[in-house]
PDB file of N, CA and C in Angstrom:
ATOM      1  N   UNK A   1       8.331  -9.777 -12.225  1.00  0.00           N
ATOM      2  CA  UNK A   1       9.227  -9.802 -13.592  1.00  0.00           C
ATOM      3  C   UNK A   1       8.456  -9.278 -14.887  1.00  0.00           C
ATOM      4  N   UNK A   2       8.359  -7.926 -14.500  1.00  0.00           N
ATOM      5  CA  UNK A   2       7.739  -7.426 -16.069  1.00  0.00           C
ATOM      6  C   UNK A   2       8.098  -6.622 -16.297  1.00  0.00           C
ATOM      7  N   UNK A   3       8.195  -6.334 -17.944  1.00  0.00           N
ATOM      8  CA  UNK A   3       9.062  -5.429 -18.803  1.00  0.00           C
ATOM      9  C   UNK A   3       8.410  -4.115 -18.225  1.00  0.00           C
ATOM     10  N   UNK A   4       9.429  -3.130 -19.032  1.00  0.00           N
ATOM     11  CA  UNK A   4       9.910  -1.692 -19.019  1.00  0.00           C
ATOM     12  C   UNK A   4       8.886  -1.120 -19.588  1.00  0.00           C
ATOM     13  N   UNK A   5       7.259  -0.462 -19.110  1.00  0.00           N
ATOM     14  CA  UNK A   5       6.422   0.208 -19.705  1.00  0.00           C
ATOM     15  C   UNK A   5       6.419   1.631 -20.099  1.00  0.00           C
ATOM     16  N   UNK A   6       6.762   1.878 -21.749  1.00  0.00           N
ATOM     17  CA  UNK A   6       7.377   2.875 -21.747  1.00  0.00           C
ATOM     18  C   UNK A   6       5.742   3.998 -21.853  1.00  0.00           C
ATOM     19  N   UNK A   7       4.677   3.558 -22.561  1.00  0.00           N
ATOM     20  CA  UNK A   7       3.270   4.191 -22.461  1.00  0.00           C
ATOM     21  C   UNK A   7       2.241   2.906 -22.004  1.00  0.00           C
ATOM     22  N   UNK A   8       0.959   3.436 -21.772  1.00  0.00           N
ATOM     23  CA  UNK A   8      -0.169   2.686 -21.767  1.00  0.00           C
ATOM     24  C   UNK A   8      -0.976   3.836 -22.473  1.00  0.00           C
ATOM     25  N   UNK A   9      -1.749   3.631 -23.743  1.00  0.00           N
ATOM     26  CA  UNK A   9      -2.696   4.123 -24.323  1.00  0.00           C
ATOM     27  C   UNK A   9      -3.920   3.627 -24.677  1.00  0.00           C
ATOM     28  N   UNK A  10      -4.546   3.751 -23.662  1.00  0.00           N
ATOM     29  CA  UNK A  10      -6.281   3.061 -24.001  1.00  0.00           C
ATOM     30  C   UNK A  10      -6.362   4.110 -25.377  1.00  0.00           C
ATOM     31  N   UNK A  11      -7.469   3.333 -26.040  1.00  0.00           N
ATOM     32  CA  UNK A  11      -7.844   3.629 -27.397  1.00  0.00           C
ATOM     33  C   UNK A  11      -9.296   3.401 -27.244  1.00  0.00           C
ATOM     34  N   UNK A  12      -9.930   3.032 -26.306  1.00  0.00           N
ATOM     35  CA  UNK A  12     -11.644   2.602 -26.145  1.00  0.00           C
ATOM     36  C   UNK A  12     -11.422   2.333 -25.050  1.00  0.00           C
ATOM     37  N   UNK A  13     -12.770   1.774 -23.876  1.00  0.00           N
ATOM     38  CA  UNK A  13     -12.983   1.504 -22.737  1.00  0.00           C
ATOM     39  C   UNK A  13     -12.379  -0.195 -23.082  1.00  0.00           C
ATOM     40  N   UNK A  14     -12.619  -0.669 -23.817  1.00  0.00           N
ATOM     41  CA  UNK A  14     -12.180  -2.187 -23.918  1.00  0.00           C
ATOM     42  C   UNK A  14     -10.680  -2.527 -24.901  1.00  0.00           C
ATOM     43  N   UNK A  15     -10.076  -1.380 -25.279  1.00  0.00           N
ATOM     44  CA  UNK A  15      -8.642  -1.636 -25.799  1.00  0.00           C
ATOM     45  C   UNK A  15      -8.022  -0.681 -25.274  1.00  0.00           C
ATOM     46  N   UNK A  16      -6.660  -1.139 -26.009  1.00  0.00           N
ATOM     47  CA  UNK A  16      -5.393  -0.334 -25.356  1.00  0.00           C
ATOM     48  C   UNK A  16      -3.914  -0.827 -25.693  1.00  0.00           C
ATOM     49  N   UNK A  17      -3.681   0.236 -26.177  1.00  0.00           N
ATOM     50  CA  UNK A  17      -1.837   0.057 -26.398  1.00  0.00           C
ATOM     51  C   UNK A  17      -0.832   0.157 -26.056  1.00  0.00           C
ATOM     52  N   UNK A  18       0.302  -0.914 -25.348  1.00  0.00           N
ATOM     53  CA  UNK A  18       0.866  -0.673 -24.508  1.00  0.00           C
ATOM     54  C   UNK A  18       2.380  -0.631 -25.128  1.00  0.00           C
ATOM     55  N   UNK A  19       3.052   0.375 -24.705  1.00  0.00           N
ATOM     56  CA  UNK A  19       4.787   0.301 -25.347  1.00  0.00           C
ATOM     57  C   UNK A  19       5.626  -0.070 -24.677  1.00  0.00           C
ATOM     58  N   UNK A  20       6.351  -1.360 -24.328  1.00  0.00           N
ATOM     59  CA  UNK A  20       7.231  -1.890 -24.076  1.00  0.00           C
ATOM     60  C   UNK A  20       9.143  -1.663 -24.166  1.00  0.00           C
ATOM     61  N   UNK A  21       9.924  -2.144 -23.330  1.00  0.00           N
ATOM     62  CA  UNK A  21      11.194  -1.773 -23.581  1.00  0.00           C
ATOM     63  C   UNK A  21      11.570  -3.220 -23.239  1.00  0.00           C
ATOM     64  N   UNK A  22      12.360  -4.407 -23.486  1.00  0.00           N
ATOM     65  CA  UNK A  22      12.835  -5.448 -22.638  1.00  0.00           C
ATOM     66  C   UNK A  22      14.327  -5.154 -22.963  1.00  0.00           C
ATOM     67  N   UNK A  23      15.293  -4.984 -22.225  1.00  0.00           N
ATOM     68  CA  UNK A  23      16.648  -4.715 -22.477  1.00  0.00           C
ATOM     69  C   UNK A  23      17.050  -6.610 -22.485  1.00  0.00           C
ATOM     70  N   UNK A  24      18.227  -6.391 -22.862  1.00  0.00           N
ATOM     71  CA  UNK A  24      19.304  -8.121 -23.198  1.00  0.00           C
ATOM     72  C   UNK A  24      19.394  -8.737 -21.779  1.00  0.00           C
ATOM     73  N   UNK A  25      19.436  -8.072 -20.472  1.00  0.00           N
ATOM     74  CA  UNK A  25      19.391  -8.426 -19.106  1.00  0.00           C
ATOM     75  C   UNK A  25      18.427  -8.548 -18.397  1.00  0.00           C
ATOM     76  N   UNK A  26      17.223  -8.707 -18.992  1.00  0.00           N
ATOM     77  CA  UNK A  26      16.002  -9.096 -18.585  1.00  0.00           C
ATOM     78  C   UNK A  26      16.094 -10.161 -18.021  1.00  0.00           C
ATOM     79  N   UNK A  27      15.321 -10.513 -16.875  1.00  0.00           N
ATOM     80  CA  UNK A  27      15.573 -11.675 -15.640  1.00  0.00           C
ATOM     81  C   UNK A  27      14.263 -12.776 -16.592  1.00  0.00           C
ATOM     82  N   UNK A  28      13.616 -12.364 -17.590  1.00  0.00           N
ATOM     83  CA  UNK A  28      12.723 -12.905 -18.023  1.00  0.00           C
ATOM     84  C   UNK A  28      13.503 -14.272 -19.310  1.00  0.00           C
ATOM     85  N   UNK A  29      14.569 -13.725 -19.646  1.00  0.00           N
ATOM     86  CA  UNK A  29      15.371 -14.398 -20.848  1.00  0.00           C
ATOM     87  C   UNK A  29      16.611 -15.735 -19.842  1.00  0.00           C
ATOM     88  N   UNK A  30      16.726 -15.359 -19.120  1.00  0.00           N
ATOM     89  CA  UNK A  30      16.961 -16.460 -17.721  1.00  0.00           C
ATOM     90  C   UNK A  30      16.680 -17.592 -18.262  1.00  0.00           C
ATOM     91  N   UNK A  31      17.849 -18.757 -19.149  1.00  0.00           N
ATOM     92  CA  UNK A  31      17.844 -20.006 -19.134  1.00  0.00           C
ATOM     93  C   UNK A  31      17.053 -20.401 -20.069  1.00  0.00           C
ATOM     94  N   UNK A  32      16.133 -19.647 -20.652  1.00  0.00           N
ATOM     95  CA  UNK A  32      15.640 -19.678 -22.142  1.00  0.00           C
ATOM     96  C   UNK A  32      16.183 -19.560 -23.250  1.00  0.00           C
ATOM     97  N   UNK A  33      16.906 -20.408 -23.983  1.00  0.00           N
ATOM     98  CA  UNK A  33      17.566 -20.539 -24.652  1.00  0.00           C
ATOM     99  C   UNK A  33      18.764 -19.781 -24.748  1.00  0.00           C
ATOM    100  N   UNK A  34      19.936 -20.269 -23.937  1.00  0.00           N
ATOM    101  CA  UNK A  34      20.716 -19.686 -23.479  1.00  0.00           C
ATOM    102  C   UNK A  34      21.704 -18.517 -24.787  1.00  0.00           C
ATOM    103  N   UNK A  35      21.813 -19.669 -25.384  1.00  0.00           N
ATOM    104  CA  UNK A  35      22.511 -19.014 -27.060  1.00  0.00           C
ATOM    105  C   UNK A  35      22.033 -17.955 -27.826  1.00  0.00           C
ATOM    106  N   UNK A  36      20.516 -18.050 -27.944  1.00  0.00           N
ATOM    107  CA  UNK A  36      19.753 -17.530 -28.214  1.00  0.00           C
ATOM    108  C   UNK A  36      18.532 -16.812 -27.759  1.00  0.00           C
ATOM    109  N   UNK A  37      18.522 -15.747 -26.591  1.00  0.00           N
ATOM    110  CA  UNK A  37      17.483 -15.367 -26.108  1.00  0.00           C
ATOM    111  C   UNK A  37      16.087 -15.149 -26.800  1.00  0.00           C
ATOM    112  N   UNK A  38      15.351 -16.052 -26.101  1.00  0.00           N
ATOM    113  CA  UNK A  38      13.818 -15.589 -26.555  1.00  0.00           C
ATOM    114  C   UNK A  38      13.478 -15.551 -25.597  1.00  0.00           C
ATOM    115  N   UNK A  39      11.679 -14.628 -25.919  1.00  0.00           N
ATOM    116  CA  UNK A  39      10.833 -14.334 -24.570  1.00  0.00           C
ATOM    117  C   UNK A  39      10.293 -15.419 -24.176  1.00  0.00           C
ATOM    118  N   UNK A  40       9.728 -15.974 -23.529  1.00  0.00           N
ATOM    119  CA  UNK A  40       9.219 -17.230 -23.717  1.00  0.00           C
ATOM    120  C   UNK A  40       7.593 -17.230 -23.868  1.00  0.00           C
ATOM    121  N   UNK A  41       6.803 -17.758 -24.369  1.00  0.00           N
ATOM    122  CA  UNK A  41       5.249 -17.729 -24.679  1.00  0.00           C
ATOM    123  C   UNK A  41       4.563 -17.736 -23.573  1.00  0.00           C
ATOM    124  N   UNK A  42       4.749 -18.271 -21.980  1.00  0.00           N
ATOM    125  CA  UNK A  42       4.302 -18.202 -20.872  1.00  0.00           C
ATOM    126  C   UNK A  42       4.470 -16.830 -19.991  1.00  0.00           C
ATOM    127  N   UNK A  43       5.482 -16.397 -21.093  1.00  0.00           N
ATOM    128  CA  UNK A  43       5.938 -15.102 -19.963  1.00  0.00           C
ATOM    129  C   UNK A  43       5.055 -14.035 -21.026  1.00  0.00           C
ATOM    130  N   UNK A  44       4.735 -13.833 -22.142  1.00  0.00           N
ATOM    131  CA  UNK A  44       4.294 -13.075 -22.861  1.00  0.00           C
ATOM    132  C   UNK A  44       3.002 -13.041 -22.364  1.00  0.00           C
ATOM    133  N   UNK A  45       1.996 -14.551 -22.200  1.00  0.00           N
ATOM    134  CA  UNK A  45       0.848 -14.576 -22.147  1.00  0.00           C
ATOM    135  C   UNK A  45       0.747 -13.747 -20.690  1.00  0.00           C
ATOM    136  N   UNK A  46       1.647 -14.129 -19.372  1.00  0.00           N
ATOM    137  CA  UNK A  46       1.512 -13.354 -18.303  1.00  0.00           C
ATOM    138  C   UNK A  46       1.504 -12.073 -17.987  1.00  0.00           C
ATOM    139  N   UNK A  47       2.026 -11.495 -19.047  1.00  0.00           N
ATOM    140  CA  UNK A  47       2.426  -9.902 -18.901  1.00  0.00           C
ATOM    141  C   UNK A  47       1.279  -9.634 -19.845  1.00  0.00           C
ATOM    142  N   UNK A  48       0.215 -10.384 -20.748  1.00  0.00           N
ATOM    143  CA  UNK A  48      -0.761  -9.785 -21.393  1.00  0.00           C
ATOM    144  C   UNK A  48      -1.773  -9.584 -20.438  1.00  0.00           C
ATOM    145  N   UNK A  49      -2.252 -10.845 -19.290  1.00  0.00           N
ATOM    146  CA  UNK A  49      -3.027 -10.362 -18.520  1.00  0.00           C
ATOM    147  C   UNK A  49      -2.813  -9.476 -17.155  1.00  0.00           C
ATOM    148  N   UNK A  50      -1.441  -9.544 -16.997  1.00  0.00           N
ATOM    149  CA  UNK A  50      -1.161  -8.544 -16.351  1.00  0.00           C
ATOM    150  C   UNK A  50      -1.387  -7.344 -16.268  1.00  0.00           C
ATOM    151  N   UNK A  51      -0.936  -6.770 -17.765  1.00  0.00           N
ATOM    152  CA  UNK A  51      -0.956  -5.307 -18.116  1.00  0.00           C
ATOM    153  C   UNK A  51      -2.644  -5.472 -18.592  1.00  0.00           C
ATOM    154  N   UNK A  52      -3.161  -6.172 -18.850  1.00  0.00           N
ATOM    155  CA  UNK A  52      -4.900  -5.935 -19.403  1.00  0.00           C
ATOM    156  C   UNK A  52      -5.168  -5.490 -17.578  1.00  0.00           C
ATOM    157  N   UNK A  53      -5.013  -6.353 -16.244  1.00  0.00           N
ATOM    158  CA  UNK A  53      -5.624  -5.883 -15.418  1.00  0.00           C
ATOM    159  C   UNK A  53      -5.204  -4.048 -15.387  1.00  0.00           C
ATOM    160  N   UNK A  54      -4.500  -4.036 -15.152  1.00  0.00           N
ATOM    161  CA  UNK A  54      -3.850  -2.514 -15.070  1.00  0.00           C
ATOM    162  C   UNK A  54      -4.562  -1.641 -16.037  1.00  0.00           C
ATOM    163  N   UNK A  55      -4.722  -1.893 -16.985  1.00  0.00           N
ATOM    164  CA  UNK A  55      -5.320  -0.985 -18.259  1.00  0.00           C
ATOM    165  C   UNK A  55      -6.501  -1.513 -18.179  1.00  0.00           C
ATOM    166  N   UNK A  56      -7.499  -2.201 -17.438  1.00  0.00           N
ATOM    167  CA  UNK A  56      -8.926  -2.293 -17.520  1.00  0.00           C
ATOM    168  C   UNK A  56      -9.445  -2.712 -16.037  1.00  0.00           C
ATOM    169  N   UNK A  57      -8.376  -1.987 -15.102  1.00  0.00           N
ATOM    170  CA  UNK A  57      -9.340  -2.127 -13.835  1.00  0.00           C
ATOM    171  C   UNK A  57      -9.734  -3.192 -13.114  1.00  0.00           C
ATOM    172  N   UNK A  58      -8.721  -4.609 -13.102  1.00  0.00           N
ATOM    173  CA  UNK A  58      -9.554  -5.671 -13.102  1.00  0.00           C
ATOM    174  C   UNK A  58      -8.144  -6.455 -11.864  1.00  0.00           C
ATOM    175  N   UNK A  59      -8.776  -7.358 -11.148  1.00  0.00           N
ATOM    176  CA  UNK A  59      -7.656  -8.260 -10.629  1.00  0.00           C
ATOM    177  C   UNK A  59      -6.955  -9.272 -11.105  1.00  0.00           C
ATOM    178  N   UNK A  60      -5.795  -9.726 -11.577  1.00  0.00           N
ATOM    179  CA  UNK A  60      -5.608 -10.498 -12.422  1.00  0.00           C
ATOM    180  C   UNK A  60      -5.805 -11.743 -12.052  1.00  0.00           C
ATOM    181  N   UNK A  61      -6.246 -12.894 -12.883  1.00  0.00           N
ATOM    182  CA  UNK A  61      -6.685 -14.064 -12.466  1.00  0.00           C
ATOM    183  C   UNK A  61      -6.530 -15.030 -13.488  1.00  0.00           C
ATOM    184  N   UNK A  62      -6.276 -16.448 -13.228  1.00  0.00           N
ATOM    185  CA  UNK A  62      -6.048 -17.200 -14.105  1.00  0.00           C
ATOM    186  C   UNK A  62      -6.289 -17.349 -15.612  1.00  0.00           C
ATOM    187  N   UNK A  63      -6.109 -17.194 -16.514  1.00  0.00           N
ATOM    188  CA  UNK A  63      -6.194 -17.559 -18.174  1.00  0.00           C
ATOM    189  C   UNK A  63      -6.360 -19.149 -18.206  1.00  0.00           C
ATOM    190  N   UNK A  64      -7.625 -19.545 -18.966  1.00  0.00           N
ATOM    191  CA  UNK A  64      -8.178 -20.580 -19.459  1.00  0.00           C
ATOM    192  C   UNK A  64      -8.789 -20.465 -21.008  1.00  0.00           C
ATOM    193  N   UNK A  65      -8.384 -21.644 -21.387  1.00  0.00           N
ATOM    194  CA  UNK A  65      -9.035 -21.771 -23.190  1.00  0.00           C
ATOM    195  C   UNK A  65      -8.171 -20.839 -23.739  1.00  0.00           C
ATOM    196  N   UNK A  66      -6.896 -20.992 -23.670  1.00  0.00           N
ATOM    197  CA  UNK A  66      -5.953 -20.036 -24.245  1.00  0.00           C
ATOM    198  C   UNK A  66      -5.144 -20.850 -25.496  1.00  0.00           C
ATOM    199  N   UNK A  67      -4.998 -19.352 -26.652  1.00  0.00           N
ATOM    200  CA  UNK A  67      -5.262 -19.728 -27.419  1.00  0.00           C
ATOM    201  C   UNK A  67      -3.996 -18.638 -27.915  1.00  0.00           C
ATOM    202  N   UNK A  68      -2.369 -19.279 -28.519  1.00  0.00           N
ATOM    203  CA  UNK A  68      -1.706 -18.374 -29.281  1.00  0.00           C
ATOM    204  C   UNK A  68      -1.057 -18.970 -30.319  1.00  0.00           C
ATOM    205  N   UNK A  69      -1.079 -17.928 -31.268  1.00  0.00           N
ATOM    206  CA  UNK A  69       0.242 -18.411 -32.286  1.00  0.00           C
ATOM    207  C   UNK A  69       1.827 -17.159 -32.226  1.00  0.00           C
ATOM    208  N   UNK A  70       2.364 -18.444 -32.351  1.00  0.00           N
ATOM    209  CA  UNK A  70       3.686 -17.282 -32.775  1.00  0.00           C
ATOM    210  C   UNK A  70       4.116 -17.156 -34.132  1.00  0.00           C
ATOM    211  N   UNK A  71       4.486 -16.219 -34.438  1.00  0.00           N
ATOM    212  CA  UNK A  71       4.917 -16.225 -35.842  1.00  0.00           C
ATOM    213  C   UNK A  71       6.579 -15.411 -35.855  1.00  0.00           C
ATOM    214  N   UNK A  72       7.052 -14.866 -35.174  1.00  0.00           N
ATOM    215  CA  UNK A  72       8.444 -14.571 -35.074  1.00  0.00           C
ATOM    216  C   UNK A  72       8.500 -14.611 -33.552  1.00  0.00           C
ATOM    217  N   UNK A  73       9.984 -14.718 -33.195  1.00  0.00           N
ATOM    218  CA  UNK A  73      10.362 -14.325 -31.774  1.00  0.00           C
ATOM    219  C   UNK A  73      10.709 -13.267 -31.343  1.00  0.00           C
ATOM    220  N   UNK A  74      10.366 -13.133 -30.025  1.00  0.00           N
ATOM    221  CA  UNK A  74      10.845 -11.351 -29.374  1.00  0.00           C
ATOM    222  C   UNK A  74      12.318 -12.061 -28.727  1.00  0.00           C
ATOM    223  N   UNK A  75      13.128 -10.862 -29.073  1.00  0.00           N
ATOM    224  CA  UNK A  75      14.232 -11.201 -28.468  1.00  0.00           C
ATOM    225  C   UNK A  75      14.578 -10.024 -27.613  1.00  0.00           C
ATOM    226  N   UNK A  76      15.965  -9.882 -27.111  1.00  0.00           N
ATOM    227  CA  UNK A  76      16.453  -8.417 -26.148  1.00  0.00           C
ATOM    228  C   UNK A  76      16.286  -7.120 -27.300  1.00  0.00           C
ATOM    229  N   UNK A  77      16.172  -6.261 -26.726  1.00  0.00           N
ATOM    230  CA  UNK A  77      16.205  -5.232 -27.430  1.00  0.00           C
ATOM    231  C   UNK A  77      15.321  -5.129 -28.557  1.00  0.00           C
ATOM    232  N   UNK A  78      14.123  -5.517 -28.462  1.00  0.00           N
ATOM    233  CA  UNK A  78      13.442  -5.597 -29.570  1.00  0.00           C
ATOM    234  C   UNK A  78      12.878  -3.952 -30.190  1.00  0.00           C
ATOM    235  N   UNK A  79      13.348  -3.696 -31.443  1.00  0.00           N
ATOM    236  CA  UNK A  79      12.116  -2.313 -32.031  1.00  0.00           C
ATOM    237  C   UNK A  79      11.110  -2.234 -31.753  1.00  0.00           C
ATOM    238  N   UNK A  80      10.908  -1.437 -30.878  1.00  0.00           N
ATOM    239  CA  UNK A  80       9.321  -1.096 -31.041  1.00  0.00           C
ATOM    240  C   UNK A  80       8.678  -1.946 -30.632  1.00  0.00           C
ATOM    241  N   UNK A  81       8.516  -2.452 -29.135  1.00  0.00           N
ATOM    242  CA  UNK A  81       7.649  -3.640 -28.667  1.00  0.00           C
ATOM    243  C   UNK A  81       6.708  -2.740 -28.576  1.00  0.00           C
ATOM    244  N   UNK A  82       5.559  -3.261 -29.152  1.00  0.00           N
ATOM    245  CA  UNK A  82       4.399  -2.957 -28.432  1.00  0.00           C
ATOM    246  C   UNK A  82       3.623  -4.247 -28.287  1.00  0.00           C
ATOM    247  N   UNK A  83       2.222  -4.158 -27.307  1.00  0.00           N
ATOM    248  CA  UNK A  83       1.184  -4.963 -27.034  1.00  0.00           C
ATOM    249  C   UNK A  83      -0.034  -4.418 -27.062  1.00  0.00           C
ATOM    250  N   UNK A  84      -1.053  -4.785 -28.302  1.00  0.00           N
ATOM    251  CA  UNK A  84      -2.242  -4.424 -28.206  1.00  0.00           C
ATOM    252  C   UNK A  84      -3.146  -5.730 -27.485  1.00  0.00           C
ATOM    253  N   UNK A  85      -4.379  -4.558 -26.510  1.00  0.00           N
ATOM    254  CA  UNK A  85      -5.348  -5.607 -25.588  1.00  0.00           C
ATOM    255  C   UNK A  85      -6.629  -5.189 -25.988  1.00  0.00           C
ATOM    256  N   UNK A  86      -7.247  -6.316 -25.666  1.00  0.00           N
ATOM    257  CA  UNK A  86      -8.978  -5.787 -26.000  1.00  0.00           C
ATOM    258  C   UNK A  86      -9.630  -7.041 -25.060  1.00  0.00           C
ATOM    259  N   UNK A  87     -10.425  -5.986 -24.128  1.00  0.00           N
ATOM    260  CA  UNK A  87     -10.984  -6.593 -23.198  1.00  0.00           C
ATOM    261  C   UNK A  87     -12.513  -6.716 -23.305  1.00  0.00           C
ATOM    262  N   UNK A  88     -12.854  -8.138 -22.811  1.00  0.00           N
ATOM    263  CA  UNK A  88     -14.414  -7.964 -22.882  1.00  0.00           C
ATOM    264  C   UNK A  88     -14.870  -8.479 -21.983  1.00  0.00           C
ATOM    265  N   UNK A  89     -15.460  -7.424 -21.050  1.00  0.00           N
ATOM    266  CA  UNK A  89     -15.795  -7.805 -19.390  1.00  0.00           C
ATOM    267  C   UNK A  89     -16.748  -9.148 -19.447  1.00  0.00           C
ATOM    268  N   UNK A  90     -17.897  -8.697 -20.509  1.00  0.00           N
ATOM    269  CA  UNK A  90     -18.877  -9.630 -20.348  1.00  0.00           C
ATOM    270  C   UNK A  90     -18.879 -11.005 -20.607  1.00  0.00           C
ATOM    271  N   UNK A  91     -17.982 -11.170 -21.208  1.00  0.00           N
ATOM    272  CA  UNK A  91     -17.630 -12.805 -21.969  1.00  0.00           C
ATOM    273  C   UNK A  91     -16.427 -12.957 -21.106  1.00  0.00           C
ATOM    274  N   UNK A  92     -15.773 -12.107 -20.148  1.00  0.00           N
ATOM    275  CA  UNK A  92     -14.242 -12.230 -19.596  1.00  0.00           C
ATOM    276  C   UNK A  92     -13.229 -12.756 -20.608  1.00  0.00           C
ATOM    277  N   UNK A  93     -13.055 -12.150 -21.845  1.00  0.00           N
ATOM    278  CA  UNK A  93     -11.633 -12.868 -22.794  1.00  0.00           C
ATOM    279  C   UNK A  93     -11.173 -11.577 -23.106  1.00  0.00           C
ATOM    280  N   UNK A  94      -9.879 -12.339 -23.155  1.00  0.00           N
ATOM    281  CA  UNK A  94      -8.960 -11.243 -23.625  1.00  0.00           C
ATOM    282  C   UNK A  94      -8.255 -11.353 -25.016  1.00  0.00           C
ATOM    283  N   UNK A  95      -8.346 -10.813 -25.838  1.00  0.00           N
ATOM    284  CA  UNK A  95      -7.109 -11.175 -27.004  1.00  0.00           C
ATOM    285  C   UNK A  95      -6.001 -10.083 -26.732  1.00  0.00           C
ATOM    286  N   UNK A  96      -5.001 -10.427 -27.360  1.00  0.00           N
ATOM    287  CA  UNK A  96      -3.551  -9.505 -26.990  1.00  0.00           C
ATOM    288  C   UNK A  96      -2.697 -10.116 -28.635  1.00  0.00           C
ATOM    289  N   UNK A  97      -1.927  -8.362 -28.985  1.00  0.00           N
ATOM    290  CA  UNK A  97      -1.179  -9.299 -29.779  1.00  0.00           C
ATOM    291  C   UNK A  97      -0.153  -8.059 -29.900  1.00  0.00           C
ATOM    292  N   UNK A  98       1.373  -9.186 -29.942  1.00  0.00           N
ATOM    293  CA  UNK A  98       2.849  -8.682 -29.783  1.00  0.00           C
ATOM    294  C   UNK A  98       3.096  -8.007 -30.556  1.00  0.00           C
ATOM    295  N   UNK A  99       3.818  -7.051 -31.101  1.00  0.00           N
ATOM    296  CA  UNK A  99       4.199  -6.466 -32.519  1.00  0.00           C
ATOM    297  C   UNK A  99       5.824  -6.146 -32.364  1.00  0.00           C
ATOM    298  N   UNK A 100       6.689  -6.449 -32.958  1.00  0.00           N
ATOM    299  CA  UNK A 100       7.686  -5.423 -33.053  1.00  0.00           C
ATOM    300  C   UNK A 100       7.687  -4.887 -34.441  1.00  0.00           C
ATOM    301  N   UNK A 101       8.044  -3.093 -34.456  1.00  0.00           N
ATOM    302  CA  UNK A 101       7.558  -2.493 -35.654  1.00  0.00           C
ATOM    303  C   UNK A 101       6.163  -2.407 -35.907  1.00  0.00           C
ATOM    304  N   UNK A 102       6.161  -3.276 -37.133  1.00  0.00           N
ATOM    305  CA  UNK A 102       5.257  -3.504 -38.140  1.00  0.00           C
ATOM    306  C   UNK A 102       4.747  -4.818 -38.271  1.00  0.00           C
ATOM    307  N   UNK A 103       5.764  -5.583 -37.484  1.00  0.00           N
ATOM    308  CA  UNK A 103       5.789  -7.375 -37.767  1.00  0.00           C
ATOM    309  C   UNK A 103       5.294  -7.961 -36.334  1.00  0.00           C
ATOM    310  N   UNK A 104       4.261  -8.514 -36.875  1.00  0.00           N
ATOM    311  CA  UNK A 104       3.032  -9.567 -35.798  1.00  0.00           C
ATOM    312  C   UNK A 104       4.098 -10.583 -35.387  1.00  0.00           C
ATOM    313  N   UNK A 105       4.402 -10.305 -33.783  1.00  0.00           N
ATOM    314  CA  UNK A 105       5.539 -11.494 -33.607  1.00  0.00           C
ATOM    315  C   UNK A 105       4.564 -12.906 -32.921  1.00  0.00           C
ATOM    316  N   UNK A 106       3.340 -12.313 -32.033  1.00  0.00           N
ATOM    317  CA  UNK A 106       2.630 -13.471 -31.416  1.00  0.00           C
ATOM    318  C   UNK A 106       1.232 -13.061 -31.096  1.00  0.00           C
ATOM    319  N   UNK A 107      -0.039 -13.618 -30.972  1.00  0.00           N
ATOM    320  CA  UNK A 107      -1.582 -13.236 -30.793  1.00  0.00           C
ATOM    321  C   UNK A 107      -2.075 -14.259 -30.131  1.00  0.00           C
ATOM    322  N   UNK A 108      -2.999 -13.474 -29.497  1.00  0.00           N
ATOM    323  CA  UNK A 108      -3.648 -15.026 -28.726  1.00  0.00           C
ATOM    324  C   UNK A 108      -5.141 -14.226 -28.131  1.00  0.00           C
ATOM    325  N   UNK A 109      -5.649 -15.351 -27.445  1.00  0.00           N
ATOM    326  CA  UNK A 109      -6.742 -14.671 -26.403  1.00  0.00           C
ATOM    327  C   UNK A 109      -6.674 -15.893 -25.891  1.00  0.00           C
ATOM    328  N   UNK A 110      -7.685 -15.230 -24.499  1.00  0.00           N
ATOM    329  CA  UNK A 110      -7.729 -16.675 -23.612  1.00  0.00           C
ATOM    330  C   UNK A 110      -9.020 -15.881 -22.470  1.00  0.00           C
ATOM    331  N   UNK A 111      -9.797 -16.922 -22.010  1.00  0.00           N
ATOM    332  CA  UNK A 111     -10.846 -16.653 -21.284  1.00  0.00           C
ATOM    333  C   UNK A 111     -10.034 -16.635 -19.783  1.00  0.00           C
ATOM    334  N   UNK A 112     -10.478 -15.412 -18.831  1.00  0.00           N
ATOM    335  CA  UNK A 112     -10.337 -15.347 -17.739  1.00  0.00           C
ATOM    336  C   UNK A 112     -10.962 -15.852 -16.549  1.00  0.00           C
ATOM    337  N   UNK A 113     -10.523 -16.540 -15.784  1.00  0.00           N
ATOM    338  CA  UNK A 113     -11.464 -17.220 -14.724  1.00  0.00           C
ATOM    339  C   UNK A 113     -12.051 -16.194 -14.457  1.00  0.00           C
ATOM    340  N   UNK A 114     -13.539 -16.446 -13.432  1.00  0.00           N
ATOM    341  CA  UNK A 114     -14.249 -15.653 -12.493  1.00  0.00           C
ATOM    342  C   UNK A 114     -13.781 -14.876 -11.230  1.00  0.00           C
TER     343      UNK A 114
END
């Protein structure tokens, strides 16, 4: 259950920008606020870890010490949805930020299990 990836742009060895699309019928919306579909926070965290593993070449692993702040909801067909990733392999720390256009929807960090 991943979003459709439009592009992955590495911006350095430790950072990347992922552009996504999320149609209204995506399974991530199933059963989560049916009257107003919202992308669940746990899905946002999972996608950040999975896409970081793809971008930075490590096996996906559990996230610990998670901190996330939600500023705006992400609904179906968001305009210009992007995910910025930064991975510190020494500290095994991932930071991420979801944006719709110029608006920060959520941002957070997590340590990844060894």
